[in-house]
Amino acid sequence: MTKTTTTTSLLLLLSLCLTLTAVCNTAWAQTTYNWTGNQNNNWDNGSNWKDASGWPDDPTHNARFDSANYGANNTDIDLRGGTFDILDLNMNQAREGLLFFSDSGTGTIRLHGDIKNNSDGPC
């Protein structure tokens, strides 16, 4: 092997390793937020979420709705005109009638992963 071929091969291997590291770090860095609705119905209020600081708004964040964490009156979630990026939207025994809306303009949840329904009924 020539010196140029060896250098090119090492650079390709280094590039592959850095790419794999970035992909793996993204998968490992996922954060799951569990909806409680304890404060009000605003998505962007950290007091309405538990198990993580703040609220889900990053492509590595999962938003989880489990009726064990919120009451029957906490099912209307106001996006308040914001755009929120999340990885997965997890419905685990979510109550029927879960509603996402925005009182102040168009609200958007950009999903970078999947909607997962582990509920007994429709979500």
PDB file of N, CA and C in Angstrom:
ATOM      1  N   MET A   1       0.828  -1.187   0.000  1.00  0.00           N
ATOM      2  CA  MET A   1       0.000   0.000   0.000  1.00  0.00           C
ATOM      3  C   MET A   1       0.869   1.246   0.000  1.00  0.00           C
ATOM      4  N   THR A   2       0.443   2.236  -0.746  1.00  0.00           N
ATOM      5  CA  THR A   2       1.192   3.484  -0.774  1.00  0.00           C
ATOM      6  C   THR A   2       0.791   4.339   0.416  1.00  0.00           C
ATOM      7  N   LYS A   3       1.589   5.345   0.647  1.00  0.00           N
ATOM      8  CA  LYS A   3       1.312   6.260   1.754  1.00  0.00           C
ATOM      9  C   LYS A   3      -0.011   7.000   1.530  1.00  0.00           C
ATOM     10  N   THR A   4      -0.316   7.388   0.293  1.00  0.00           N
ATOM     11  CA  THR A   4      -1.555   8.094  -0.027  1.00  0.00           C
ATOM     12  C   THR A   4      -2.764   7.199   0.209  1.00  0.00           C
ATOM     13  N   THR A   5      -2.665   5.928  -0.195  1.00  0.00           N
ATOM     14  CA  THR A   5      -3.767   4.977  -0.006  1.00  0.00           C
ATOM     15  C   THR A   5      -4.005   4.738   1.475  1.00  0.00           C
ATOM     16  N   THR A   6      -2.937   4.607   2.241  1.00  0.00           N
ATOM     17  CA  THR A   6      -3.058   4.383   3.675  1.00  0.00           C
ATOM     18  C   THR A   6      -3.702   5.600   4.350  1.00  0.00           C
ATOM     19  N   THR A   7      -3.274   6.789   3.975  1.00  0.00           N
ATOM     20  CA  THR A   7      -3.830   8.012   4.552  1.00  0.00           C
ATOM     21  C   THR A   7      -5.305   8.150   4.204  1.00  0.00           C
ATOM     22  N   THR A   8      -5.667   7.867   2.946  1.00  0.00           N
ATOM     23  CA  THR A   8      -7.066   7.944   2.515  1.00  0.00           C
ATOM     24  C   THR A   8      -7.915   6.932   3.277  1.00  0.00           C
ATOM     25  N   SER A   9      -7.401   5.720   3.439  1.00  0.00           N
ATOM     26  CA  SER A   9      -8.133   4.681   4.172  1.00  0.00           C
ATOM     27  C   SER A   9      -8.340   5.076   5.628  1.00  0.00           C
ATOM     28  N   LEU A  10      -7.334   5.644   6.245  1.00  0.00           N
ATOM     29  CA  LEU A  10      -7.451   6.077   7.635  1.00  0.00           C
ATOM     30  C   LEU A  10      -8.458   7.228   7.770  1.00  0.00           C
ATOM     31  N   LEU A  11      -8.453   8.141   6.818  1.00  0.00           N
ATOM     32  CA  LEU A  11      -9.411   9.247   6.866  1.00  0.00           C
ATOM     33  C   LEU A  11     -10.843   8.740   6.689  1.00  0.00           C
ATOM     34  N   LEU A  12     -11.055   7.794   5.794  1.00  0.00           N
ATOM     35  CA  LEU A  12     -12.385   7.211   5.618  1.00  0.00           C
ATOM     36  C   LEU A  12     -12.838   6.480   6.873  1.00  0.00           C
ATOM     37  N   LEU A  13     -11.934   5.734   7.496  1.00  0.00           N
ATOM     38  CA  LEU A  13     -12.262   5.015   8.727  1.00  0.00           C
ATOM     39  C   LEU A  13     -12.584   5.998   9.853  1.00  0.00           C
ATOM     40  N   LEU A  14     -11.807   7.069   9.967  1.00  0.00           N
ATOM     41  CA  LEU A  14     -12.062   8.081  10.979  1.00  0.00           C
ATOM     42  C   LEU A  14     -13.418   8.743  10.743  1.00  0.00           C
ATOM     43  N   SER A  15     -13.744   9.060   9.496  1.00  0.00           N
ATOM     44  CA  SER A  15     -15.026   9.656   9.162  1.00  0.00           C
ATOM     45  C   SER A  15     -16.180   8.737   9.533  1.00  0.00           C
ATOM     46  N   LEU A  16     -16.047   7.455   9.237  1.00  0.00           N
ATOM     47  CA  LEU A  16     -17.075   6.473   9.586  1.00  0.00           C
ATOM     48  C   LEU A  16     -17.249   6.393  11.097  1.00  0.00           C
ATOM     49  N   CYS A  17     -16.161   6.361  11.832  1.00  0.00           N
ATOM     50  CA  CYS A  17     -16.237   6.282  13.304  1.00  0.00           C
ATOM     51  C   CYS A  17     -16.921   7.522  13.886  1.00  0.00           C
ATOM     52  N   LEU A  18     -16.603   8.704  13.371  1.00  0.00           N
ATOM     53  CA  LEU A  18     -17.234   9.923  13.865  1.00  0.00           C
ATOM     54  C   LEU A  18     -18.723   9.941  13.554  1.00  0.00           C
ATOM     55  N   THR A  19     -19.104   9.469  12.381  1.00  0.00           N
ATOM     56  CA  THR A  19     -20.517   9.408  12.016  1.00  0.00           C
ATOM     57  C   THR A  19     -21.264   8.452  12.929  1.00  0.00           C
ATOM     58  N   LEU A  20     -20.710   7.265  13.161  1.00  0.00           N
ATOM     59  CA  LEU A  20     -21.349   6.291  14.047  1.00  0.00           C
ATOM     60  C   LEU A  20     -21.449   6.822  15.468  1.00  0.00           C
ATOM     61  N   THR A  21     -20.441   7.516  15.936  1.00  0.00           N
ATOM     62  CA  THR A  21     -20.474   8.101  17.278  1.00  0.00           C
ATOM     63  C   THR A  21     -21.592   9.126  17.390  1.00  0.00           C
ATOM     64  N   ALA A  22     -21.748   9.977  16.369  1.00  0.00           N
ATOM     65  CA  ALA A  22     -22.807  10.990  16.397  1.00  0.00           C
ATOM     66  C   ALA A  22     -24.179  10.334  16.403  1.00  0.00           C
ATOM     67  N   VAL A  23     -24.378   9.311  15.600  1.00  0.00           N
ATOM     68  CA  VAL A  23     -25.667   8.610  15.555  1.00  0.00           C
ATOM     69  C   VAL A  23     -25.954   7.928  16.877  1.00  0.00           C
ATOM     70  N   CYS A  24     -24.991   7.250  17.427  1.00  0.00           N
ATOM     71  CA  CYS A  24     -25.190   6.544  18.703  1.00  0.00           C
ATOM     72  C   CYS A  24     -25.440   7.525  19.846  1.00  0.00           C
ATOM     73  N   ASN A  25     -24.722   8.639  19.864  1.00  0.00           N
ATOM     74  CA  ASN A  25     -24.933   9.625  20.927  1.00  0.00           C
ATOM     75  C   ASN A  25     -26.331  10.204  20.873  1.00  0.00           C
ATOM     76  N   THR A  26     -26.865  10.422  19.677  1.00  0.00           N
ATOM     77  CA  THR A  26     -28.230  10.927  19.551  1.00  0.00           C
ATOM     78  C   THR A  26     -29.212   9.923  20.116  1.00  0.00           C
ATOM     79  N   ALA A  27     -29.044   8.648  19.817  1.00  0.00           N
ATOM     80  CA  ALA A  27     -29.943   7.619  20.323  1.00  0.00           C
ATOM     81  C   ALA A  27     -29.842   7.502  21.842  1.00  0.00           C
ATOM     82  N   TRP A  28     -28.649   7.605  22.389  1.00  0.00           N
ATOM     83  CA  TRP A  28     -28.468   7.485  23.833  1.00  0.00           C
ATOM     84  C   TRP A  28     -28.927   8.716  24.579  1.00  0.00           C
ATOM     85  N   ALA A  29     -28.968   9.860  23.911  1.00  0.00           N
ATOM     86  CA  ALA A  29     -29.260  11.119  24.585  1.00  0.00           C
ATOM     87  C   ALA A  29     -30.752  11.440  24.636  1.00  0.00           C
ATOM     88  N   GLN A  30     -31.598  10.480  24.346  1.00  0.00           N
ATOM     89  CA  GLN A  30     -33.034  10.739  24.369  1.00  0.00           C
ATOM     90  C   GLN A  30     -33.500  11.053  25.789  1.00  0.00           C
ATOM     91  N   THR A  31     -34.429  12.005  25.867  1.00  0.00           N
ATOM     92  CA  THR A  31     -35.023  12.384  27.138  1.00  0.00           C
ATOM     93  C   THR A  31     -36.529  12.215  27.024  1.00  0.00           C
ATOM     94  N   THR A  32     -37.143  11.604  28.039  1.00  0.00           N
ATOM     95  CA  THR A  32     -38.593  11.415  28.023  1.00  0.00           C
ATOM     96  C   THR A  32     -39.241  12.328  29.052  1.00  0.00           C
ATOM     97  N   TYR A  33     -40.232  13.068  28.597  1.00  0.00           N
ATOM     98  CA  TYR A  33     -41.031  13.964  29.422  1.00  0.00           C
ATOM     99  C   TYR A  33     -42.410  13.337  29.590  1.00  0.00           C
ATOM    100  N   ASN A  34     -42.923  13.287  30.796  1.00  0.00           N
ATOM    101  CA  ASN A  34     -44.239  12.727  31.087  1.00  0.00           C
ATOM    102  C   ASN A  34     -45.206  13.842  31.459  1.00  0.00           C
ATOM    103  N   TRP A  35     -46.310  13.921  30.700  1.00  0.00           N
ATOM    104  CA  TRP A  35     -47.318  14.961  30.907  1.00  0.00           C
ATOM    105  C   TRP A  35     -48.063  14.745  32.214  1.00  0.00           C
ATOM    106  N   THR A  36     -48.204  15.824  33.005  1.00  0.00           N
ATOM    107  CA  THR A  36     -49.023  15.789  34.219  1.00  0.00           C
ATOM    108  C   THR A  36     -50.147  16.800  34.141  1.00  0.00           C
ATOM    109  N   GLY A  37     -49.894  17.938  33.491  1.00  0.00           N
ATOM    110  CA  GLY A  37     -50.881  19.005  33.453  1.00  0.00           C
ATOM    111  C   GLY A  37     -51.141  19.589  34.830  1.00  0.00           C
ATOM    112  N   ASN A  38     -50.176  19.483  35.739  1.00  0.00           N
ATOM    113  CA  ASN A  38     -50.366  19.938  37.124  1.00  0.00           C
ATOM    114  C   ASN A  38     -50.558  21.443  37.263  1.00  0.00           C
ATOM    115  N   GLN A  39     -49.978  22.232  36.383  1.00  0.00           N
ATOM    116  CA  GLN A  39     -50.007  23.689  36.504  1.00  0.00           C
ATOM    117  C   GLN A  39     -51.140  24.312  35.685  1.00  0.00           C
ATOM    118  N   ASN A  40     -51.191  23.977  34.411  1.00  0.00           N
ATOM    119  CA  ASN A  40     -52.223  24.469  33.489  1.00  0.00           C
ATOM    120  C   ASN A  40     -52.200  23.557  32.262  1.00  0.00           C
ATOM    121  N   ASN A  41     -52.716  23.999  31.140  1.00  0.00           N
ATOM    122  CA  ASN A  41     -52.739  23.121  29.975  1.00  0.00           C
ATOM    123  C   ASN A  41     -51.719  23.517  28.912  1.00  0.00           C
ATOM    124  N   ASN A  42     -50.725  24.334  29.253  1.00  0.00           N
ATOM    125  CA  ASN A  42     -49.740  24.815  28.295  1.00  0.00           C
ATOM    126  C   ASN A  42     -48.602  23.815  28.103  1.00  0.00           C
ATOM    127  N   TRP A  43     -48.389  23.447  26.840  1.00  0.00           N
ATOM    128  CA  TRP A  43     -47.297  22.522  26.494  1.00  0.00           C
ATOM    129  C   TRP A  43     -45.964  23.067  27.001  1.00  0.00           C
ATOM    130  N   ASP A  44     -45.740  24.368  26.812  1.00  0.00           N
ATOM    131  CA  ASP A  44     -44.439  24.965  27.111  1.00  0.00           C
ATOM    132  C   ASP A  44     -44.305  25.461  28.553  1.00  0.00           C
ATOM    133  N   ASN A  45     -44.903  24.759  29.478  1.00  0.00           N
ATOM    134  CA  ASN A  45     -44.753  25.057  30.902  1.00  0.00           C
ATOM    135  C   ASN A  45     -44.112  23.838  31.552  1.00  0.00           C
ATOM    136  N   GLY A  46     -42.891  23.993  31.999  1.00  0.00           N
ATOM    137  CA  GLY A  46     -42.151  22.881  32.587  1.00  0.00           C
ATOM    138  C   GLY A  46     -42.829  22.257  33.793  1.00  0.00           C
ATOM    139  N   SER A  47     -43.706  23.009  34.472  1.00  0.00           N
ATOM    140  CA  SER A  47     -44.422  22.461  35.630  1.00  0.00           C
ATOM    141  C   SER A  47     -45.480  21.441  35.227  1.00  0.00           C
ATOM    142  N   ASN A  48     -45.797  21.370  33.937  1.00  0.00           N
ATOM    143  CA  ASN A  48     -46.771  20.392  33.453  1.00  0.00           C
ATOM    144  C   ASN A  48     -46.137  19.065  33.048  1.00  0.00           C
ATOM    145  N   TRP A  49     -44.824  18.973  33.174  1.00  0.00           N
ATOM    146  CA  TRP A  49     -44.096  17.771  32.769  1.00  0.00           C
ATOM    147  C   TRP A  49     -43.263  17.270  33.936  1.00  0.00           C
ATOM    148  N   LYS A  50     -43.033  15.977  33.987  1.00  0.00           N
ATOM    149  CA  LYS A  50     -42.160  15.436  35.033  1.00  0.00           C
ATOM    150  C   LYS A  50     -41.111  14.536  34.399  1.00  0.00           C
ATOM    151  N   ASP A  51     -40.147  14.175  35.175  1.00  0.00           N
ATOM    152  CA  ASP A  51     -39.038  13.276  34.816  1.00  0.00           C
ATOM    153  C   ASP A  51     -37.973  13.934  33.951  1.00  0.00           C
ATOM    154  N   ALA A  52     -38.106  15.225  33.658  1.00  0.00           N
ATOM    155  CA  ALA A  52     -37.082  15.975  32.942  1.00  0.00           C
ATOM    156  C   ALA A  52     -37.343  17.462  33.177  1.00  0.00           C
ATOM    157  N   SER A  53     -36.332  18.273  32.989  1.00  0.00           N
ATOM    158  CA  SER A  53     -36.450  19.710  33.208  1.00  0.00           C
ATOM    159  C   SER A  53     -36.981  20.391  31.949  1.00  0.00           C
ATOM    160  N   GLY A  54     -37.923  21.304  32.119  1.00  0.00           N
ATOM    161  CA  GLY A  54     -38.485  22.030  30.995  1.00  0.00           C
ATOM    162  C   GLY A  54     -39.622  21.267  30.340  1.00  0.00           C
ATOM    163  N   TRP A  55     -39.704  21.338  29.026  1.00  0.00           N
ATOM    164  CA  TRP A  55     -40.757  20.652  28.253  1.00  0.00           C
ATOM    165  C   TRP A  55     -40.127  20.090  26.987  1.00  0.00           C
ATOM    166  N   PRO A  56     -40.778  19.132  26.355  1.00  0.00           N
ATOM    167  CA  PRO A  56     -40.204  18.525  25.155  1.00  0.00           C
ATOM    168  C   PRO A  56     -40.203  19.496  23.971  1.00  0.00           C
ATOM    169  N   ASP A  57     -39.016  19.790  23.471  1.00  0.00           N
ATOM    170  CA  ASP A  57     -38.869  20.668  22.315  1.00  0.00           C
ATOM    171  C   ASP A  57     -37.504  20.467  21.680  1.00  0.00           C
ATOM    172  N   ASP A  58     -37.210  19.234  21.327  1.00  0.00           N
ATOM    173  CA  ASP A  58     -35.946  18.900  20.685  1.00  0.00           C
ATOM    174  C   ASP A  58     -36.134  17.554  19.989  1.00  0.00           C
ATOM    175  N   PRO A  59     -35.501  17.333  18.860  1.00  0.00           N
ATOM    176  CA  PRO A  59     -35.668  16.058  18.157  1.00  0.00           C
ATOM    177  C   PRO A  59     -35.200  14.825  18.939  1.00  0.00           C
ATOM    178  N   THR A  60     -34.568  15.023  20.113  1.00  0.00           N
ATOM    179  CA  THR A  60     -34.187  13.888  20.954  1.00  0.00           C
ATOM    180  C   THR A  60     -35.122  13.722  22.151  1.00  0.00           C
ATOM    181  N   HIS A  61     -36.188  14.521  22.224  1.00  0.00           N
ATOM    182  CA  HIS A  61     -37.132  14.469  23.338  1.00  0.00           C
ATOM    183  C   HIS A  61     -38.345  13.622  22.971  1.00  0.00           C
ATOM    184  N   ASN A  62     -38.774  12.791  23.909  1.00  0.00           N
ATOM    185  CA  ASN A  62     -40.007  12.020  23.774  1.00  0.00           C
ATOM    186  C   ASN A  62     -41.071  12.644  24.670  1.00  0.00           C
ATOM    187  N   ALA A  63     -42.285  12.760  24.150  1.00  0.00           N
ATOM    188  CA  ALA A  63     -43.422  13.247  24.944  1.00  0.00           C
ATOM    189  C   ALA A  63     -44.313  12.045  25.236  1.00  0.00           C
ATOM    190  N   ARG A  64     -44.552  11.780  26.527  1.00  0.00           N
ATOM    191  CA  ARG A  64     -45.311  10.597  26.927  1.00  0.00           C
ATOM    192  C   ARG A  64     -46.572  11.019  27.667  1.00  0.00           C
ATOM    193  N   PHE A  65     -47.676  10.411  27.265  1.00  0.00           N
ATOM    194  CA  PHE A  65     -48.967  10.671  27.901  1.00  0.00           C
ATOM    195  C   PHE A  65     -49.477   9.364  28.465  1.00  0.00           C
ATOM    196  N   ASP A  66     -49.506   9.282  29.789  1.00  0.00           N
ATOM    197  CA  ASP A  66     -49.948   8.093  30.500  1.00  0.00           C
ATOM    198  C   ASP A  66     -50.975   8.561  31.529  1.00  0.00           C
ATOM    199  N   SER A  67     -52.177   8.001  31.472  1.00  0.00           N
ATOM    200  CA  SER A  67     -53.248   8.470  32.366  1.00  0.00           C
ATOM    201  C   SER A  67     -52.910   8.261  33.840  1.00  0.00           C
ATOM    202  N   ALA A  68     -51.891   7.479  34.148  1.00  0.00           N
ATOM    203  CA  ALA A  68     -51.461   7.344  35.541  1.00  0.00           C
ATOM    204  C   ALA A  68     -50.820   8.638  36.039  1.00  0.00           C
ATOM    205  N   ASN A  69     -50.417   9.524  35.108  1.00  0.00           N
ATOM    206  CA  ASN A  69     -49.720  10.760  35.468  1.00  0.00           C
ATOM    207  C   ASN A  69     -50.593  12.006  35.424  1.00  0.00           C
ATOM    208  N   TYR A  70     -51.793  11.923  34.876  1.00  0.00           N
ATOM    209  CA  TYR A  70     -52.637  13.119  34.777  1.00  0.00           C
ATOM    210  C   TYR A  70     -54.097  12.764  34.977  1.00  0.00           C
ATOM    211  N   GLY A  71     -54.865  13.752  35.382  1.00  0.00           N
ATOM    212  CA  GLY A  71     -56.277  13.540  35.655  1.00  0.00           C
ATOM    213  C   GLY A  71     -57.156  13.768  34.432  1.00  0.00           C
ATOM    214  N   ALA A  72     -58.421  13.488  34.574  1.00  0.00           N
ATOM    215  CA  ALA A  72     -59.379  13.603  33.470  1.00  0.00           C
ATOM    216  C   ALA A  72     -59.504  15.034  32.959  1.00  0.00           C
ATOM    217  N   ASN A  73     -59.207  16.026  33.795  1.00  0.00           N
ATOM    218  CA  ASN A  73     -59.333  17.425  33.388  1.00  0.00           C
ATOM    219  C   ASN A  73     -58.056  17.975  32.753  1.00  0.00           C
ATOM    220  N   ASN A  74     -57.043  17.155  32.566  1.00  0.00           N
ATOM    221  CA  ASN A  74     -55.759  17.607  32.047  1.00  0.00           C
ATOM    222  C   ASN A  74     -55.477  17.056  30.653  1.00  0.00           C
ATOM    223  N   THR A  75     -56.522  16.905  29.836  1.00  0.00           N
ATOM    224  CA  THR A  75     -56.336  16.259  28.544  1.00  0.00           C
ATOM    225  C   THR A  75     -56.357  17.201  27.353  1.00  0.00           C
ATOM    226  N   ASP A  76     -56.628  18.484  27.567  1.00  0.00           N
ATOM    227  CA  ASP A  76     -56.587  19.468  26.489  1.00  0.00           C
ATOM    228  C   ASP A  76     -55.279  20.238  26.604  1.00  0.00           C
ATOM    229  N   ILE A  77     -54.388  20.042  25.639  1.00  0.00           N
ATOM    230  CA  ILE A  77     -53.053  20.624  25.721  1.00  0.00           C
ATOM    231  C   ILE A  77     -52.917  21.764  24.717  1.00  0.00           C
ATOM    232  N   ASP A  78     -52.633  22.966  25.216  1.00  0.00           N
ATOM    233  CA  ASP A  78     -52.527  24.170  24.386  1.00  0.00           C
ATOM    234  C   ASP A  78     -51.088  24.344  23.921  1.00  0.00           C
ATOM    235  N   LEU A  79     -50.884  24.365  22.609  1.00  0.00           N
ATOM    236  CA  LEU A  79     -49.550  24.572  22.038  1.00  0.00           C
ATOM    237  C   LEU A  79     -49.182  26.056  21.981  1.00  0.00           C
ATOM    238  N   ARG A  80     -50.136  26.922  22.258  1.00  0.00           N
ATOM    239  CA  ARG A  80     -49.943  28.371  22.364  1.00  0.00           C
ATOM    240  C   ARG A  80     -49.237  28.974  21.153  1.00  0.00           C
ATOM    241  N   GLY A  81     -49.530  28.465  19.966  1.00  0.00           N
ATOM    242  CA  GLY A  81     -48.965  29.020  18.742  1.00  0.00           C
ATOM    243  C   GLY A  81     -47.526  28.626  18.476  1.00  0.00           C
ATOM    244  N   GLY A  82     -46.978  27.786  19.336  1.00  0.00           N
ATOM    245  CA  GLY A  82     -45.574  27.402  19.184  1.00  0.00           C
ATOM    246  C   GLY A  82     -45.368  26.230  18.246  1.00  0.00           C
ATOM    247  N   THR A  83     -44.123  26.027  17.872  1.00  0.00           N
ATOM    248  CA  THR A  83     -43.708  24.862  17.095  1.00  0.00           C
ATOM    249  C   THR A  83     -42.739  24.082  17.962  1.00  0.00           C
ATOM    250  N   PHE A  84     -43.044  22.817  18.176  1.00  0.00           N
ATOM    251  CA  PHE A  84     -42.254  21.982  19.081  1.00  0.00           C
ATOM    252  C   PHE A  84     -41.760  20.749  18.334  1.00  0.00           C
ATOM    253  N   ASP A  85     -40.474  20.498  18.424  1.00  0.00           N
ATOM    254  CA  ASP A  85     -39.870  19.318  17.821  1.00  0.00           C
ATOM    255  C   ASP A  85     -39.758  18.233  18.873  1.00  0.00           C
ATOM    256  N   ILE A  86     -40.203  17.030  18.531  1.00  0.00           N
ATOM    257  CA  ILE A  86     -40.036  15.890  19.440  1.00  0.00           C
ATOM    258  C   ILE A  86     -39.646  14.661  18.618  1.00  0.00           C
ATOM    259  N   LEU A  87     -39.103  13.675  19.302  1.00  0.00           N
ATOM    260  CA  LEU A  87     -38.769  12.431  18.644  1.00  0.00           C
ATOM    261  C   LEU A  87     -40.020  11.562  18.546  1.00  0.00           C
ATOM    262  N   ASP A  88     -40.464  11.014  19.673  1.00  0.00           N
ATOM    263  CA  ASP A  88     -41.628  10.130  19.684  1.00  0.00           C
ATOM    264  C   ASP A  88     -42.747  10.712  20.539  1.00  0.00           C
ATOM    265  N   LEU A  89     -43.969  10.462  20.121  1.00  0.00           N
ATOM    266  CA  LEU A  89     -45.160  10.787  20.903  1.00  0.00           C
ATOM    267  C   LEU A  89     -45.698   9.454  21.409  1.00  0.00           C
ATOM    268  N   ASN A  90     -45.581   9.234  22.712  1.00  0.00           N
ATOM    269  CA  ASN A  90     -45.959   7.950  23.317  1.00  0.00           C
ATOM    270  C   ASN A  90     -47.286   8.065  24.051  1.00  0.00           C
ATOM    271  N   MET A  91     -48.229   7.256  23.655  1.00  0.00           N
ATOM    272  CA  MET A  91     -49.522   7.182  24.324  1.00  0.00           C
ATOM    273  C   MET A  91     -49.553   5.859  25.088  1.00  0.00           C
ATOM    274  N   ASN A  92     -49.462   5.934  26.390  1.00  0.00           N
ATOM    275  CA  ASN A  92     -49.463   4.737  27.211  1.00  0.00           C
ATOM    276  C   ASN A  92     -50.650   4.821  28.161  1.00  0.00           C
ATOM    277  N   GLN A  93     -51.694   4.063  27.860  1.00  0.00           N
ATOM    278  CA  GLN A  93     -52.935   4.128  28.627  1.00  0.00           C
ATOM    279  C   GLN A  93     -53.451   5.554  28.678  1.00  0.00           C
ATOM    280  N   ALA A  94     -53.293   6.267  27.551  1.00  0.00           N
ATOM    281  CA  ALA A  94     -53.778   7.655  27.470  1.00  0.00           C
ATOM    282  C   ALA A  94     -55.298   7.659  27.469  1.00  0.00           C
ATOM    283  N   ARG A  95     -55.868   8.652  28.103  1.00  0.00           N
ATOM    284  CA  ARG A  95     -57.318   8.782  28.141  1.00  0.00           C
ATOM    285  C   ARG A  95     -57.836   9.161  26.762  1.00  0.00           C
ATOM    286  N   GLU A  96     -59.012   8.638  26.441  1.00  0.00           N
ATOM    287  CA  GLU A  96     -59.658   9.063  25.203  1.00  0.00           C
ATOM    288  C   GLU A  96     -59.990  10.538  25.330  1.00  0.00           C
ATOM    289  N   GLY A  97     -59.920  11.257  24.239  1.00  0.00           N
ATOM    290  CA  GLY A  97     -60.226  12.676  24.259  1.00  0.00           C
ATOM    291  C   GLY A  97     -59.014  13.563  24.451  1.00  0.00           C
ATOM    292  N   LEU A  98     -57.801  13.010  24.375  1.00  0.00           N
ATOM    293  CA  LEU A  98     -56.593  13.818  24.446  1.00  0.00           C
ATOM    294  C   LEU A  98     -56.582  14.747  23.239  1.00  0.00           C
ATOM    295  N   LEU A  99     -56.453  16.044  23.463  1.00  0.00           N
ATOM    296  CA  LEU A  99     -56.604  17.030  22.402  1.00  0.00           C
ATOM    297  C   LEU A  99     -55.444  18.010  22.437  1.00  0.00           C
ATOM    298  N   PHE A 100     -54.838  18.243  21.275  1.00  0.00           N
ATOM    299  CA  PHE A 100     -53.805  19.254  21.130  1.00  0.00           C
ATOM    300  C   PHE A 100     -54.412  20.408  20.344  1.00  0.00           C
ATOM    301  N   PHE A 101     -54.301  21.638  20.851  1.00  0.00           N
ATOM    302  CA  PHE A 101     -54.874  22.794  20.173  1.00  0.00           C
ATOM    303  C   PHE A 101     -54.004  24.007  20.442  1.00  0.00           C
ATOM    304  N   SER A 102     -54.346  25.122  19.813  1.00  0.00           N
ATOM    305  CA  SER A 102     -53.639  26.364  20.055  1.00  0.00           C
ATOM    306  C   SER A 102     -54.632  27.516  20.055  1.00  0.00           C
ATOM    307  N   ASP A 103     -54.708  28.222  21.172  1.00  0.00           N
ATOM    308  CA  ASP A 103     -55.580  29.399  21.276  1.00  0.00           C
ATOM    309  C   ASP A 103     -54.989  30.612  20.559  1.00  0.00           C
ATOM    310  N   SER A 104     -53.686  30.604  20.350  1.00  0.00           N
ATOM    311  CA  SER A 104     -53.020  31.804  19.820  1.00  0.00           C
ATOM    312  C   SER A 104     -52.283  31.484  18.512  1.00  0.00           C
ATOM    313  N   GLY A 105     -53.017  31.149  17.484  1.00  0.00           N
ATOM    314  CA  GLY A 105     -52.401  30.856  16.190  1.00  0.00           C
ATOM    315  C   GLY A 105     -52.142  29.381  16.013  1.00  0.00           C
ATOM    316  N   THR A 106     -51.519  29.072  14.912  1.00  0.00           N
ATOM    317  CA  THR A 106     -51.255  27.676  14.574  1.00  0.00           C
ATOM    318  C   THR A 106     -50.186  27.105  15.487  1.00  0.00           C
ATOM    319  N   GLY A 107     -50.476  25.996  16.115  1.00  0.00           N
ATOM    320  CA  GLY A 107     -49.504  25.276  16.916  1.00  0.00           C
ATOM    321  C   GLY A 107     -49.089  24.020  16.170  1.00  0.00           C
ATOM    322  N   THR A 108     -47.813  23.679  16.245  1.00  0.00           N
ATOM    323  CA  THR A 108     -47.295  22.547  15.479  1.00  0.00           C
ATOM    324  C   THR A 108     -46.406  21.677  16.348  1.00  0.00           C
ATOM    325  N   ILE A 109     -46.601  20.373  16.236  1.00  0.00           N
ATOM    326  CA  ILE A 109     -45.669  19.404  16.808  1.00  0.00           C
ATOM    327  C   ILE A 109     -44.998  18.725  15.623  1.00  0.00           C
ATOM    328  N   ARG A 110     -43.689  18.932  15.490  1.00  0.00           N
ATOM    329  CA  ARG A 110     -42.946  18.268  14.415  1.00  0.00           C
ATOM    330  C   ARG A 110     -42.381  16.970  14.972  1.00  0.00           C
ATOM    331  N   LEU A 111     -42.847  15.890  14.404  1.00  0.00           N
ATOM    332  CA  LEU A 111     -42.479  14.555  14.872  1.00  0.00           C
ATOM    333  C   LEU A 111     -41.286  14.045  14.069  1.00  0.00           C
ATOM    334  N   HIS A 112     -40.210  13.688  14.764  1.00  0.00           N
ATOM    335  CA  HIS A 112     -38.998  13.183  14.113  1.00  0.00           C
ATOM    336  C   HIS A 112     -38.884  11.672  14.256  1.00  0.00           C
ATOM    337  N   GLY A 113     -39.869  11.063  14.899  1.00  0.00           N
ATOM    338  CA  GLY A 113     -39.846   9.615  15.111  1.00  0.00           C
ATOM    339  C   GLY A 113     -41.213   9.022  14.856  1.00  0.00           C
ATOM    340  N   ASP A 114     -41.796   8.426  15.886  1.00  0.00           N
ATOM    341  CA  ASP A 114     -43.038   7.674  15.737  1.00  0.00           C
ATOM    342  C   ASP A 114     -44.098   8.124  16.736  1.00  0.00           C
ATOM    343  N   ILE A 115     -45.338   7.788  16.415  1.00  0.00           N
ATOM    344  CA  ILE A 115     -46.418   7.837  17.388  1.00  0.00           C
ATOM    345  C   ILE A 115     -46.586   6.413  17.887  1.00  0.00           C
ATOM    346  N   LYS A 116     -46.452   6.230  19.178  1.00  0.00           N
ATOM    347  CA  LYS A 116     -46.549   4.897  19.773  1.00  0.00           C
ATOM    348  C   LYS A 116     -47.787   4.840  20.649  1.00  0.00           C
ATOM    349  N   ASN A 117     -48.691   3.936  20.327  1.00  0.00           N
ATOM    350  CA  ASN A 117     -49.948   3.817  21.064  1.00  0.00           C
ATOM    351  C   ASN A 117     -49.957   2.506  21.833  1.00  0.00           C
ATOM    352  N   ASN A 118     -49.767   2.602  23.131  1.00  0.00           N
ATOM    353  CA  ASN A 118     -49.852   1.432  24.008  1.00  0.00           C
ATOM    354  C   ASN A 118     -51.148   1.467  24.816  1.00  0.00           C
ATOM    355  N   SER A 119     -52.119   2.216  24.308  1.00  0.00           N
ATOM    356  CA  SER A 119     -53.400   2.351  25.003  1.00  0.00           C
ATOM    357  C   SER A 119     -54.344   1.245  24.586  1.00  0.00           C
ATOM    358  N   ASP A 120     -55.361   1.036  25.416  1.00  0.00           N
ATOM    359  CA  ASP A 120     -56.385   0.023  25.092  1.00  0.00           C
ATOM    360  C   ASP A 120     -57.305   0.482  23.962  1.00  0.00           C
ATOM    361  N   GLY A 121     -57.515   1.771  23.849  1.00  0.00           N
ATOM    362  CA  GLY A 121     -58.444   2.297  22.845  1.00  0.00           C
ATOM    363  C   GLY A 121     -57.746   3.269  21.933  1.00  0.00           C
ATOM    364  N   PRO A 122     -58.518   3.974  21.136  1.00  0.00           N
ATOM    365  CA  PRO A 122     -57.910   4.952  20.223  1.00  0.00           C
ATOM    366  C   PRO A 122     -57.344   6.132  21.012  1.00  0.00           C
ATOM    367  N   CYS A 123     -56.373   6.777  20.413  1.00  0.00           N
ATOM    368  CA  CYS A 123     -55.808   7.964  21.085  1.00  0.00           C
ATOM    369  C   CYS A 123     -55.992   9.170  20.227  1.00  0.00           C
TER     370      CYS A 123
END
